[in-house]
C-alpha atoms as a PDB file:
ATOM      1  CA  MET A   1      20.299  -5.875   1.876  1.00  0.00           C
ATOM      2  CA  ARG A   2      22.118  -8.547   0.702  1.00  0.00           C
ATOM      3  CA  LYS A   3      20.242 -10.423  -2.608  1.00  0.00           C
ATOM      4  CA  ASN A   4      18.471 -13.521  -1.069  1.00  0.00           C
ATOM      5  CA  GLU A   5      17.562 -10.999   2.475  1.00  0.00           C
ATOM      6  CA  LYS A   6      13.907 -10.461   3.426  1.00  0.00           C
ATOM      7  CA  GLU A   7      12.436  -6.855   4.183  1.00  0.00           C
ATOM      8  CA  VAL A   8       9.875  -6.731   7.039  1.00  0.00           C
ATOM      9  CA  LEU A   9       7.506  -4.413   6.505  1.00  0.00           C
ATOM     10  CA  ASP A  10       4.846  -2.560   8.315  1.00  0.00           C
ATOM     11  CA  GLY A  11       1.601  -0.411   7.695  1.00  0.00           C
ATOM     12  CA  TYR A  12      -1.347   0.930   5.885  1.00  0.00           C
ATOM     13  CA  VAL A  13      -1.470  -1.007   2.228  1.00  0.00           C
ATOM     14  CA  VAL A  14      -3.436   1.593   0.359  1.00  0.00           C
ATOM     15  CA  ASP A  15      -3.404   1.465  -3.968  1.00  0.00           C
ATOM     16  CA  ILE A  16      -1.642   4.235  -5.485  1.00  0.00           C
ATOM     17  CA  ILE A  17      -5.082   5.571  -6.961  1.00  0.00           C
ATOM     18  CA  CYS A  18      -6.204   5.893  -3.238  1.00  0.00           C
ATOM     19  CA  LEU A  19      -2.596   7.438  -2.622  1.00  0.00           C
ATOM     20  CA  ARG A  20      -3.294  10.600  -4.909  1.00  0.00           C
ATOM     21  CA  ARG A  21      -5.377  12.645  -3.070  1.00  0.00           C
ATOM     22  CA  ILE A  22      -4.272  12.267   0.378  1.00  0.00           C
ATOM     23  CA  SER A  23      -1.624  14.523   1.189  1.00  0.00           C
ATOM     24  CA  PRO A  24       1.066  12.945   2.696  1.00  0.00           C
ATOM     25  CA  SER A  25       0.654  15.240   6.027  1.00  0.00           C
ATOM     26  CA  GLN A  26      -2.434  12.310   6.744  1.00  0.00           C
ATOM     27  CA  TYR A  27      -0.739  10.206   4.872  1.00  0.00           C
ATOM     28  CA  THR A  28      -1.157   7.751   8.060  1.00  0.00           C
ATOM     29  CA  LYS A  29      -4.846   8.789   9.077  1.00  0.00           C
ATOM     30  CA  GLN A  30      -5.744   8.911   5.711  1.00  0.00           C
ATOM     31  CA  ALA A  31      -5.359   5.545   5.650  1.00  0.00           C
ATOM     32  CA  SER A  32      -6.109   3.562   8.670  1.00  0.00           C
ATOM     33  CA  GLU A  33      -9.295   4.793   6.968  1.00  0.00           C
ATOM     34  CA  HIS A  34      -8.637   2.626   3.822  1.00  0.00           C
ATOM     35  CA  SER A  35     -11.899   0.286   3.025  1.00  0.00           C
ATOM     36  CA  THR A  36      -9.906  -3.168   1.406  1.00  0.00           C
ATOM     37  CA  ALA A  37     -13.368  -3.103  -0.638  1.00  0.00           C
ATOM     38  CA  CYS A  38     -11.753   0.331  -2.624  1.00  0.00           C
ATOM     39  CA  ALA A  39      -8.275  -2.238  -2.556  1.00  0.00           C
ATOM     40  CA  LEU A  40     -10.131  -4.681  -4.265  1.00  0.00           C
ATOM     41  CA  MET A  41     -10.947  -2.521  -7.256  1.00  0.00           C
ATOM     42  CA  GLY A  42     -10.040  -3.780 -11.021  1.00  0.00           C
ATOM     43  CA  HIS A  43      -8.180  -0.160 -11.215  1.00  0.00           C
ATOM     44  CA  CYS A  44      -6.666   0.302  -8.518  1.00  0.00           C
ATOM     45  CA  VAL A  45      -5.115  -2.920  -7.954  1.00  0.00           C
ATOM     46  CA  GLU A  46      -3.468  -2.075 -11.777  1.00  0.00           C
ATOM     47  CA  SER A  47      -2.140   0.702 -10.131  1.00  0.00           C
ATOM     48  CA  GLY A  48      -0.003  -1.077  -7.589  1.00  0.00           C
ATOM     49  CA  TYR A  49       0.674  -0.251  -3.476  1.00  0.00           C
ATOM     50  CA  GLY A  50       1.972   1.330  -1.084  1.00  0.00           C
ATOM     51  CA  LEU A  51       2.512   0.981   2.991  1.00  0.00           C
ATOM     52  CA  ILE A  52       1.638   3.988   4.862  1.00  0.00           C
ATOM     53  CA  GLY A  53       3.853   3.153   8.199  1.00  0.00           C
ATOM     54  CA  GLU A  54       3.894   5.138  11.191  1.00  0.00           C
ATOM     55  CA  ASN A  55       4.887   9.282  10.672  1.00  0.00           C
ATOM     56  CA  ASN A  56       3.423   9.336   7.830  1.00  0.00           C
ATOM     57  CA  GLU A  57       6.352   7.126   6.070  1.00  0.00           C
ATOM     58  CA  LEU A  58       5.212   5.890   2.328  1.00  0.00           C
ATOM     59  CA  LYS A  59       7.550   2.893   0.568  1.00  0.00           C
ATOM     60  CA  LEU A  60       5.917   2.271  -2.924  1.00  0.00           C
ATOM     61  CA  LEU A  61       5.705  -1.208  -3.098  1.00  0.00           C
ATOM     62  CA  ASP A  62       7.243  -3.470  -5.860  1.00  0.00           C
ATOM     63  CA  PRO A  63       4.226  -4.361  -8.901  1.00  0.00           C
ATOM     64  CA  LYS A  64       5.561  -7.860  -8.353  1.00  0.00           C
ATOM     65  CA  ALA A  65       4.264  -8.407  -5.501  1.00  0.00           C
ATOM     66  CA  THR A  66       0.695  -6.762  -6.523  1.00  0.00           C
ATOM     67  CA  PRO A  67      -0.819 -10.105  -7.043  1.00  0.00           C
ATOM     68  CA  ARG A  68       0.337 -11.437  -3.609  1.00  0.00           C
ATOM     69  CA  ILE A  69      -1.277  -8.308  -1.826  1.00  0.00           C
ATOM     70  CA  VAL A  70      -4.122  -8.938  -3.117  1.00  0.00           C
ATOM     71  CA  ALA A  71      -4.271 -13.031  -1.784  1.00  0.00           C
ATOM     72  CA  LEU A  72      -4.406 -11.363   1.715  1.00  0.00           C
ATOM     73  CA  LEU A  73      -6.595  -8.362   1.178  1.00  0.00           C
ATOM     74  CA  LYS A  74      -9.052 -11.460  -0.017  1.00  0.00           C
END
């Protein structure tokens, strides 16, 4: 990918704290049940976010994305 190209991702946003509590084989199922209220808790915001796609695929998001994610979740 070139420097100015944007990557489009699709999936469920889950904070890193909660991701650590989920078995990788259950990522997609558990992520679909993860609440926005939880993802917006202070310690969850501070942990950063990951994106869970199909087939339990995890992509950790750059910490610089956190403010944008929080704005979208609100």
